[in-house]
Structure formats: C-alpha cells, structure tokens
C-alpha cells in the first residue's frame, strides 16, 4: 500500500512539472510576440445625417501617437482613411456616395508602427430620393398684392421636420429672387414683387442636426 502511494506521488510530481513547462512555454510565447499596445481612441464621436452622405465629427485626440484614422461602415466592408494633424481642434469628415438607410460607423486610430486603438462607433441615418418623394408642399392660403406689397400667407405645418417655405418670384430688377419663410412664421411680405405668379416649395430638415435640406415638389400660385 505504501509502495502504491509512493508511485502516486511520483506521477503527481511529474505531472506538475509538465504543467509548469506548458505554462512557461505560453508565457515565453507571449513575451516573444510582445504585449498588445493600444493607442488613444476617438472621443466624443458624432454623426450628422445628409443627402446620400454623412458627416462624422470628433474632438482633438489627446494621444499624440495617433497619426491616422480609419472609418469603417457596412460591417467593415467599406472604409476611408485620413491623416490626423496636431493643429485640428475638431475633426470633421464627409463620407460620400451612401445609399439611403441606417449605418453604424466605426472609427479606429493608428500610430506609425501599426498599433491601433479600440473602435469607437456611432449610428447614423442617411436620406435621399425615397425620403424626399414623401414630402408634401405646405399650401398657400392667400396671396394679396396691394400698395406695391405682396403678402403671402401659408397654411401652418404640424410636421416636426418642416423647416420653412421657399418662394421664388420676379423682382423689380427683372431677375428671379428666392426667399425662405422659416417656421413657425406663416406670413411674409415682399416689397419688390413685379411678376404675376410665385413658385413655392416646402423645405425640410430630416433631423435637427442634418447637414442637407430636402424639398417637396414645387407649386405655382397666380397673383391676381
């Protein structure tokens, strides 16, 4: 019985040595490859919606090692790269040629040795023709030309993305002139009107911070 216990202790000792050898090998492999180095990531990342485009914005990086940034979208199948400068307090990048839809943009920074940061990500919606075709034109209620002043009154819009009404008319100098009546105002007075009609359309901003305007179909209104 004592002999059996001695054999068991010997095998246990050998197993411990083998286990330590395996751990040591793993540790040596880690040391040979070197530790993973992360550099500073993009902070305060924002995205602004646009017409078949989006604008990304972030504050100046505090890590001076970051020299380039790469923006990924569509599950990282598409990307664009830019150089970072120490002078820029705010970085803004326009990503163009985007189809309408929802996106998640990811931004990663790199140093000159290929070390990267942890990904920063931000969602964004991109708008285009499909969205614009759904917009309706807020109608003119009255347009009265009296004492050389044209007074136009529009119906009120309850649409939260409605920005205002764009009015184009012939002015007294003989050329076309365009003005915008911003919501919530519904009436505008034009003192240099010289034609017999106006062309108008509604202006929309799909999001408060969007970088592009969108427009309804135009309508014409005769001035009698």
Protein backbone atom coordinates (compact mmCIF):
# COMPACT_ATOMS: atom_id res chain seq x y z
CA UNK A 1 0.00 0.00 0.00
CA UNK A 2 2.88 2.32 0.92
CA UNK A 3 4.55 1.48 -2.42
CA UNK A 4 1.40 2.48 -4.31
CA UNK A 5 1.29 5.82 -2.52
CA UNK A 6 4.93 6.48 -3.39
CA UNK A 7 4.25 5.80 -7.10
CA UNK A 8 1.26 8.13 -6.97
CA UNK A 9 3.36 10.93 -5.51
CA UNK A 10 6.00 10.45 -8.21
CA UNK A 11 3.42 10.69 -11.03
CA UNK A 12 1.83 13.75 -9.42
CA UNK A 13 5.24 15.46 -9.25
CA UNK A 14 5.96 14.66 -12.89
CA UNK A 15 2.55 15.99 -13.92
CA UNK A 16 3.14 19.23 -12.05
CA UNK A 17 6.46 19.73 -13.79
CA UNK A 18 4.85 19.14 -17.20
CA UNK A 19 2.10 21.63 -16.39
CA UNK A 20 4.64 24.24 -15.34
CA UNK A 21 6.62 23.65 -18.51
CA UNK A 22 3.46 24.26 -20.57
CA UNK A 23 2.68 27.50 -18.73
CA UNK A 24 6.27 28.62 -19.12
CA UNK A 25 6.11 27.95 -22.86
CA UNK A 26 2.93 30.01 -23.17
CA UNK A 27 4.50 32.83 -21.19
CA UNK A 28 7.63 32.75 -23.33
CA UNK A 29 5.49 32.89 -26.49
CA UNK A 30 3.69 35.96 -25.12
CA UNK A 31 6.99 37.67 -24.29
CA UNK A 32 8.41 36.91 -27.74
CA UNK A 33 5.36 38.41 -29.50
CA UNK A 34 5.24 41.34 -27.10
CA UNK A 35 2.24 42.82 -25.24
CA UNK A 36 -0.67 44.35 -27.14
CA UNK A 37 -0.30 48.14 -27.37
CA UNK A 38 -3.42 50.30 -27.68
CA UNK A 39 -3.31 53.99 -28.52
CA UNK A 40 -5.88 56.65 -27.70
CA UNK A 41 -9.29 56.19 -29.31
CA UNK A 42 -11.61 58.79 -30.85
CA UNK A 43 -13.65 60.55 -28.19
CA UNK A 44 -16.99 62.41 -28.42
CA UNK A 45 -17.76 60.82 -31.81
CA UNK A 46 -20.85 62.26 -33.52
CA UNK A 47 -22.55 61.63 -36.87
CA UNK A 48 -24.77 64.02 -38.83
CA UNK A 49 -27.30 62.90 -41.43
CA UNK A 50 -27.20 64.18 -45.01
CA UNK A 51 -28.30 63.59 -48.60
CA UNK A 52 -26.57 60.34 -49.58
CA UNK A 53 -23.76 61.30 -47.25
CA UNK A 54 -22.91 61.67 -43.58
CA UNK A 55 -20.54 63.84 -41.61
CA UNK A 56 -18.51 62.41 -38.74
CA UNK A 57 -17.04 64.65 -36.10
CA UNK A 58 -14.80 64.18 -33.06
CA UNK A 59 -12.70 66.24 -30.70
CA UNK A 60 -8.93 66.52 -30.90
CA UNK A 61 -7.16 63.36 -29.72
CA UNK A 62 -5.12 63.68 -26.56
CA UNK A 63 -2.77 60.87 -27.60
CA UNK A 64 -0.01 62.37 -29.82
CA UNK A 65 0.86 58.89 -31.12
CA UNK A 66 -2.33 58.75 -33.22
CA UNK A 67 -1.37 59.74 -36.78
CA UNK A 68 -4.14 58.28 -38.95
CA UNK A 69 -7.78 57.36 -38.55
CA UNK A 70 -9.81 54.84 -40.49
CA UNK A 71 -13.59 54.94 -40.79
CA UNK A 72 -15.46 51.68 -41.42
CA UNK A 73 -19.09 51.02 -42.37
CA UNK A 74 -21.26 48.25 -43.85
CA UNK A 75 -19.81 45.65 -41.48
CA UNK A 76 -16.31 46.93 -42.21
CA UNK A 77 -16.56 46.07 -45.91
CA UNK A 78 -16.08 49.73 -46.82
CA UNK A 79 -13.68 52.24 -45.34
CA UNK A 80 -11.84 55.50 -45.81
CA UNK A 81 -8.63 56.76 -44.21
CA UNK A 82 -7.40 60.21 -43.24
CA UNK A 83 -4.31 61.80 -41.75
CA UNK A 84 -4.61 63.36 -38.29
CA UNK A 85 -2.94 66.67 -37.50
CA UNK A 86 -1.96 68.12 -34.15
CA UNK A 87 -3.42 71.51 -35.12
CA UNK A 88 -7.00 70.41 -35.68
CA UNK A 89 -9.11 71.02 -32.58
CA UNK A 90 -12.12 69.42 -34.24
CA UNK A 91 -12.01 66.76 -36.96
CA UNK A 92 -14.88 66.63 -39.48
CA UNK A 93 -15.07 64.06 -42.27
CA UNK A 94 -17.69 63.75 -45.01
CA UNK A 95 -18.46 60.18 -46.09
CA UNK A 96 -19.99 60.38 -49.59
CA UNK A 97 -21.84 58.12 -52.04
CA UNK A 98 -24.01 56.40 -49.44
CA UNK A 99 -27.30 54.69 -50.16
CA UNK A 100 -30.31 55.64 -48.08
CA UNK A 101 -30.55 53.68 -44.87
CA UNK A 102 -29.19 53.18 -41.38
CA UNK A 103 -25.47 52.87 -40.74
CA UNK A 104 -23.08 52.22 -37.90
CA UNK A 105 -19.77 53.99 -38.44
CA UNK A 106 -16.67 52.73 -36.64
CA UNK A 107 -13.51 54.77 -36.24
CA UNK A 108 -10.09 53.40 -35.32
CA UNK A 109 -6.84 55.35 -34.90
CA UNK A 110 -3.31 54.12 -35.71
CA UNK A 111 0.25 55.12 -34.89
CA UNK A 112 3.25 54.89 -37.21
CA UNK A 113 4.01 51.35 -36.01
CA UNK A 114 0.61 49.93 -36.88
CA UNK A 115 -0.70 49.88 -33.31
CA UNK A 116 -4.40 50.69 -33.18
CA UNK A 117 -6.99 51.98 -30.76
CA UNK A 118 -10.18 50.40 -29.56
CA UNK A 119 -13.04 51.05 -32.02
CA UNK A 120 -15.40 53.97 -31.45
CA UNK A 121 -18.80 53.70 -33.11
CA UNK A 122 -21.82 55.86 -33.80
CA UNK A 123 -25.16 55.20 -35.60
CA UNK A 124 -26.44 57.45 -38.40
CA UNK A 125 -29.35 57.60 -40.85
CA UNK A 126 -28.72 58.67 -44.44
CA UNK A 127 -31.54 60.20 -46.52
CA UNK A 128 -32.12 60.52 -50.27
CA UNK A 129 -34.69 60.46 -53.08
CA UNK A 130 -37.01 57.94 -51.41
CA UNK A 131 -37.37 60.16 -48.36
CA UNK A 132 -37.72 63.32 -50.45
CA UNK A 133 -40.54 61.91 -52.57
CA UNK A 134 -42.66 61.51 -49.44
CA UNK A 135 -42.52 65.22 -48.58
CA UNK A 136 -45.59 67.34 -49.20
CA UNK A 137 -45.85 71.01 -50.03
CA UNK A 138 -47.45 73.33 -47.48
CA UNK A 139 -50.03 75.27 -49.47
CA UNK A 140 -50.52 78.99 -49.93
CA UNK A 141 -53.75 80.14 -48.32
CA UNK A 142 -53.78 83.69 -49.71
CA UNK A 143 -51.54 85.97 -51.75
CA UNK A 144 -52.60 89.61 -51.93
CA UNK A 145 -50.76 92.31 -53.90
CA UNK A 146 -51.70 95.72 -52.53
CA UNK A 147 -49.87 99.05 -52.37
CA UNK A 148 -46.88 97.50 -54.15
CA UNK A 149 -46.50 94.86 -51.42
CA UNK A 150 -47.22 91.17 -51.88
CA UNK A 151 -48.49 89.48 -48.70
CA UNK A 152 -48.39 85.70 -48.77
CA UNK A 153 -49.98 83.55 -46.07
CA UNK A 154 -49.26 79.84 -45.83
CA UNK A 155 -51.13 77.09 -44.06
CA UNK A 156 -49.48 76.04 -40.80
CA UNK A 157 -47.48 72.82 -40.85
CA UNK A 158 -47.53 70.35 -37.97
CA UNK A 159 -44.69 68.30 -39.42
CA UNK A 160 -41.75 68.44 -36.95
CA UNK A 161 -39.18 68.20 -39.75
CA UNK A 162 -40.69 71.16 -41.64
CA UNK A 163 -38.13 73.96 -41.89
CA UNK A 164 -39.99 76.56 -43.95
CA UNK A 165 -41.31 77.61 -47.36
CA UNK A 166 -39.10 78.66 -50.24
CA UNK A 167 -40.64 81.31 -52.55
CA UNK A 168 -39.28 82.30 -55.95
CA UNK A 169 -40.62 85.38 -57.77
CA UNK A 170 -39.65 88.05 -60.29
CA UNK A 171 -38.36 91.17 -58.56
CA UNK A 172 -38.48 94.77 -59.74
CA UNK A 173 -34.92 94.49 -61.09
CA UNK A 174 -36.16 91.93 -63.65
CA UNK A 175 -34.44 88.86 -62.18
CA UNK A 176 -35.73 85.91 -60.21
CA UNK A 177 -35.35 86.14 -56.45
CA UNK A 178 -35.73 83.43 -53.81
CA UNK A 179 -36.60 83.92 -50.15
CA UNK A 180 -37.38 81.49 -47.33
CA UNK A 181 -40.11 81.89 -44.76
CA UNK A 182 -38.95 79.89 -41.75
CA UNK A 183 -41.34 78.09 -39.42
CA UNK A 184 -43.22 78.91 -37.24
CA UNK A 185 -43.96 82.08 -39.24
CA UNK A 186 -46.78 81.64 -41.76
CA UNK A 187 -46.85 85.07 -43.43
CA UNK A 188 -44.33 87.02 -45.46
CA UNK A 189 -44.43 90.46 -47.10
CA UNK A 190 -42.49 91.09 -50.32
CA UNK A 191 -41.98 94.72 -51.33
CA UNK A 192 -40.05 94.19 -54.57
CA UNK A 193 -42.50 91.88 -56.36
CA UNK A 194 -43.00 92.61 -60.07
CA UNK A 195 -44.42 89.48 -61.64
CA UNK A 196 -47.79 87.77 -61.87
CA UNK A 197 -47.01 84.48 -60.11
CA UNK A 198 -44.86 82.82 -57.49
CA UNK A 199 -43.30 79.36 -57.35
CA UNK A 200 -43.02 77.81 -53.94
CA UNK A 201 -41.98 74.59 -52.24
CA UNK A 202 -41.52 73.32 -48.70
CA UNK A 203 -38.11 72.86 -47.14
CA UNK A 204 -37.45 70.02 -44.70
CA UNK A 205 -34.64 69.11 -42.33
CA UNK A 206 -35.00 65.40 -41.52
CA UNK A 207 -33.04 65.80 -38.29
CA UNK A 208 -32.26 68.91 -36.28
CA UNK A 209 -28.53 68.47 -36.90
CA UNK A 210 -28.76 67.30 -40.52
CA UNK A 211 -26.28 68.87 -42.95
CA UNK A 212 -28.59 68.94 -46.01
CA UNK A 213 -32.06 70.27 -46.77
CA UNK A 214 -34.75 68.35 -48.62
CA UNK A 215 -37.55 69.75 -50.74
CA UNK A 216 -41.10 68.95 -51.78
CA UNK A 217 -42.34 69.26 -55.34
CA UNK A 218 -42.88 72.89 -56.40
CA UNK A 219 -46.26 74.50 -56.96
CA UNK A 220 -47.26 77.70 -58.76
CA UNK A 221 -49.63 80.37 -57.49
CA UNK A 222 -51.02 83.16 -59.71
CA UNK A 223 -51.17 86.66 -58.33
CA UNK A 224 -54.31 88.44 -59.45
